[in-house]
C-alpha atoms as a PDB file:
ATOM      1  CA  MET A   1     106.424 -33.321 -76.953  1.00  0.00           C
ATOM      2  CA  THR A   2     106.877 -32.915 -73.217  1.00  0.00           C
ATOM      3  CA  ASN A   3     110.031 -33.312 -71.180  1.00  0.00           C
ATOM      4  CA  SER A   4     110.065 -33.659 -67.420  1.00  0.00           C
ATOM      5  CA  GLY A   5     113.783 -34.209 -66.843  1.00  0.00           C
ATOM      6  CA  GLU A   6     117.262 -33.201 -67.871  1.00  0.00           C
ATOM      7  CA  SER A   7     118.099 -36.604 -69.292  1.00  0.00           C
ATOM      8  CA  LEU A   8     116.538 -39.151 -71.619  1.00  0.00           C
ATOM      9  CA  GLY A   9     115.454 -42.520 -70.259  1.00  0.00           C
ATOM     10  CA  ARG A  10     115.946 -44.015 -66.829  1.00  0.00           C
ATOM     11  CA  GLY A  11     119.158 -45.316 -65.399  1.00  0.00           C
ATOM     12  CA  ASP A  12     122.563 -43.721 -65.582  1.00  0.00           C
ATOM     13  CA  GLU A  13     122.193 -39.926 -65.356  1.00  0.00           C
ATOM     14  CA  GLU A  14     125.299 -39.098 -67.417  1.00  0.00           C
ATOM     15  CA  LEU A  15     124.228 -41.451 -70.206  1.00  0.00           C
ATOM     16  CA  GLY A  16     120.754 -39.907 -70.094  1.00  0.00           C
ATOM     17  CA  LYS A  17     122.218 -36.418 -70.600  1.00  0.00           C
ATOM     18  CA  ILE A  18     124.251 -37.638 -73.577  1.00  0.00           C
ATOM     19  CA  LEU A  19     121.121 -39.235 -75.036  1.00  0.00           C
ATOM     20  CA  MET A  20     119.096 -36.034 -74.524  1.00  0.00           C
ATOM     21  CA  LYS A  21     121.719 -33.960 -76.347  1.00  0.00           C
ATOM     22  CA  ASN A  22     121.862 -36.500 -79.187  1.00  0.00           C
ATOM     23  CA  PHE A  23     118.067 -36.618 -79.412  1.00  0.00           C
ATOM     24  CA  LEU A  24     117.633 -32.838 -79.590  1.00  0.00           C
ATOM     25  CA  THR A  25     120.524 -32.464 -82.053  1.00  0.00           C
ATOM     26  CA  THR A  26     119.017 -35.148 -84.303  1.00  0.00           C
ATOM     27  CA  LEU A  27     115.553 -33.592 -83.990  1.00  0.00           C
ATOM     28  CA  ALA A  28     116.943 -30.153 -84.917  1.00  0.00           C
ATOM     29  CA  GLY A  29     118.344 -31.638 -88.133  1.00  0.00           C
ATOM     30  CA  ASN A  30     115.046 -33.278 -89.091  1.00  0.00           C
ATOM     31  CA  ASP A  31     112.727 -31.949 -91.765  1.00  0.00           C
ATOM     32  CA  GLU A  32     109.630 -33.058 -89.842  1.00  0.00           C
ATOM     33  CA  LEU A  33     109.430 -31.173 -86.561  1.00  0.00           C
ATOM     34  CA  PRO A  34     106.998 -31.077 -83.665  1.00  0.00           C
ATOM     35  CA  GLU A  35     104.819 -28.017 -83.206  1.00  0.00           C
ATOM     36  CA  ALA A  36     106.038 -27.588 -79.640  1.00  0.00           C
ATOM     37  CA  LEU A  37     108.453 -28.795 -77.003  1.00  0.00           C
ATOM     38  CA  LEU A  38     107.111 -28.334 -73.490  1.00  0.00           C
ATOM     39  CA  PHE A  39     109.441 -28.435 -70.501  1.00  0.00           C
ATOM     40  CA  VAL A  40     108.153 -29.280 -67.025  1.00  0.00           C
ATOM     41  CA  ASN A  41     109.661 -30.269 -63.683  1.00  0.00           C
ATOM     42  CA  SER A  42     113.478 -30.401 -63.907  1.00  0.00           C
ATOM     43  CA  GLY A  43     113.193 -30.388 -67.710  1.00  0.00           C
ATOM     44  CA  VAL A  44     113.049 -26.589 -67.451  1.00  0.00           C
ATOM     45  CA  LYS A  45     116.764 -26.641 -66.645  1.00  0.00           C
ATOM     46  CA  LEU A  46     117.380 -27.391 -70.325  1.00  0.00           C
ATOM     47  CA  VAL A  47     116.230 -23.915 -71.462  1.00  0.00           C
ATOM     48  CA  VAL A  48     118.344 -21.815 -69.093  1.00  0.00           C
ATOM     49  CA  GLU A  49     121.865 -20.355 -69.145  1.00  0.00           C
ATOM     50  CA  GLY A  50     124.528 -23.051 -69.070  1.00  0.00           C
ATOM     51  CA  SER A  51     122.340 -25.823 -70.491  1.00  0.00           C
ATOM     52  CA  PRO A  52     124.328 -28.248 -72.660  1.00  0.00           C
ATOM     53  CA  VAL A  53     121.495 -28.399 -75.227  1.00  0.00           C
ATOM     54  CA  LEU A  54     120.979 -24.712 -75.988  1.00  0.00           C
ATOM     55  CA  GLY A  55     122.457 -25.117 -79.477  1.00  0.00           C
ATOM     56  CA  PRO A  56     119.852 -27.569 -80.785  1.00  0.00           C
ATOM     57  CA  LEU A  57     117.064 -25.818 -78.875  1.00  0.00           C
ATOM     58  CA  LYS A  58     117.915 -22.487 -80.530  1.00  0.00           C
ATOM     59  CA  ILE A  59     117.908 -24.196 -83.948  1.00  0.00           C
ATOM     60  CA  LEU A  60     114.491 -25.725 -83.234  1.00  0.00           C
ATOM     61  CA  GLU A  61     113.185 -22.349 -82.097  1.00  0.00           C
ATOM     62  CA  GLU A  62     114.533 -20.681 -85.274  1.00  0.00           C
ATOM     63  CA  LYS A  63     112.724 -23.350 -87.318  1.00  0.00           C
ATOM     64  CA  GLY A  64     109.438 -22.380 -85.683  1.00  0.00           C
ATOM     65  CA  VAL A  65     109.121 -24.962 -82.908  1.00  0.00           C
ATOM     66  CA  TYR A  66     107.443 -23.439 -79.850  1.00  0.00           C
ATOM     67  CA  LEU A  67     109.519 -23.961 -76.694  1.00  0.00           C
ATOM     68  CA  GLY A  68     107.479 -23.505 -73.528  1.00  0.00           C
ATOM     69  CA  ALA A  69     108.914 -23.806 -70.033  1.00  0.00           C
ATOM     70  CA  CYS A  70     106.611 -24.218 -67.028  1.00  0.00           C
ATOM     71  CA  GLY A  71     106.687 -20.999 -65.011  1.00  0.00           C
ATOM     72  CA  THR A  72     105.787 -22.769 -61.767  1.00  0.00           C
ATOM     73  CA  CYS A  73     108.723 -25.141 -62.291  1.00  0.00           C
ATOM     74  CA  LEU A  74     111.113 -22.295 -63.090  1.00  0.00           C
ATOM     75  CA  ASP A  75     109.981 -20.507 -59.919  1.00  0.00           C
ATOM     76  CA  TYR A  76     110.445 -23.687 -57.881  1.00  0.00           C
ATOM     77  CA  PHE A  77     114.070 -24.032 -59.039  1.00  0.00           C
ATOM     78  CA  LYS A  78     114.571 -20.234 -58.792  1.00  0.00           C
ATOM     79  CA  ILE A  79     115.795 -19.998 -62.398  1.00  0.00           C
ATOM     80  CA  LYS A  80     113.033 -18.028 -64.146  1.00  0.00           C
ATOM     81  CA  ASP A  81     115.421 -15.119 -64.768  1.00  0.00           C
ATOM     82  CA  LYS A  82     117.891 -17.439 -66.549  1.00  0.00           C
ATOM     83  CA  VAL A  83     115.665 -18.584 -69.432  1.00  0.00           C
ATOM     84  CA  VAL A  84     117.476 -18.090 -72.759  1.00  0.00           C
ATOM     85  CA  ALA A  85     115.565 -20.453 -75.064  1.00  0.00           C
ATOM     86  CA  GLY A  86     111.819 -20.405 -75.593  1.00  0.00           C
ATOM     87  CA  GLU A  87     109.449 -18.667 -73.255  1.00  0.00           C
ATOM     88  CA  VAL A  88     107.920 -19.001 -69.830  1.00  0.00           C
ATOM     89  CA  THR A  89     104.457 -20.499 -70.028  1.00  0.00           C
ATOM     90  CA  ASN A  90     101.755 -21.780 -67.703  1.00  0.00           C
ATOM     91  CA  MET A  91      99.850 -25.010 -67.197  1.00  0.00           C
ATOM     92  CA  GLY A  92      96.859 -23.696 -69.157  1.00  0.00           C
ATOM     93  CA  ASN A  93      99.015 -23.263 -72.254  1.00  0.00           C
ATOM     94  CA  ILE A  94     100.707 -26.626 -71.712  1.00  0.00           C
ATOM     95  CA  VAL A  95      97.333 -28.365 -71.408  1.00  0.00           C
ATOM     96  CA  ASN A  96      96.147 -26.547 -74.547  1.00  0.00           C
ATOM     97  CA  TYR A  97      99.097 -27.831 -76.585  1.00  0.00           C
ATOM     98  CA  LEU A  98      98.727 -31.356 -75.233  1.00  0.00           C
ATOM     99  CA  THR A  99      94.981 -31.627 -75.812  1.00  0.00           C
ATOM    100  CA  LYS A 100      95.056 -30.261 -79.360  1.00  0.00           C
ATOM    101  CA  SER A 101      97.967 -32.452 -80.468  1.00  0.00           C
ATOM    102  CA  LEU A 102      97.335 -35.564 -82.524  1.00  0.00           C
ATOM    103  CA  LYS A 103     100.402 -37.195 -81.038  1.00  0.00           C
ATOM    104  CA  VAL A 104     102.216 -36.448 -77.781  1.00  0.00           C
ATOM    105  CA  VAL A 105     105.668 -37.800 -76.990  1.00  0.00           C
ATOM    106  CA  SER A 106     106.836 -37.552 -73.392  1.00  0.00           C
ATOM    107  CA  LEU A 107     110.563 -37.689 -72.649  1.00  0.00           C
END
């Protein structure tokens, strides 16, 4: 599963943030989980200090879901030192996860 933004869907930004939090909270309570969540572009802002979705992300991480945040993206936003969920990764690793997956969901 890849995420390239801080919100879910297009349209109202505040609604999108509410939907993202609801999605990740629901996913964290699921028995069937993805192998990985990959964060690119502004989606990397979800894994740093102050993110409103750290709770469900930490639960997913504890359940064994790999959380990978694009290092180039973190550098671009100057927030690499603020990552508190998952780990910093690179495009090679992201491509590896995407190409070996049977199903990819992009948010």
